Amino acid sequence: MLSAYCVGKLKSQKDFESALQGVVNDFSGTEEATIAQATLNQIGGIVAMQSILKESPYKEARTEKHRFIVIVQTQGINLNQVRNDVTDYNENYHKFEKLNVQNTFLDGKTQVMMVVGLENAEKAEKYMKGILRNQKIMGYLPAEVTKKLVISENNFKILYELKDVDEYMQFFYASYKTN
């Protein structure tokens, strides 16, 4: 295992991955093989995220203004009630941030509620974590039929034009802190 780490330090990523795979193959069932496989899995996840970010029409813009948005199918959820409760939440917890709550349609079947005016990605992530803990609001928004996320202003324009929520969700999970 130490040899594999030395290869990783001194040679290319491909050589490092080969050395780790050698540990997995040659020492199967050992703690070292488990660690080597876990390292390979992490490298694979990083490479996959880099690929998503590179190929995406969306671009990282951490310093740009952001929105928190909830995407739902139009049937079954009263977004006007949710919007009112989010407005109350903002009055209680974000009084001086001048946030604006809006509803719009992404297409004929998909409605979007937005909190506009979040200063940057870090503030948007913090806002999202806070509002996701609000049981009253989240009670209206079952996880199986809603998507809750943050998005920069320019990326929202692209999402609204492309209307491909799944593609944005891949970018979102690769770019933002969601836990």
Foldseek 3Di string as FASTA:
>chain_A
DVVLVVCVVPHDPVSSLVVLVVCLVVVPPDPSNVVSVVVNVVVVVLVVLVVLQVPAPDHDDFQFWKKKKKKFFPPDFDVVVLQVVVVVVCVVPVVPQPWDWDKDALDPTMIMIITGRQRGQVSNLVVQVVVCPPCVSCVRPDPVGMDIFMDGPVVVVVCSVVVPVVSVVSNRVSHHDND
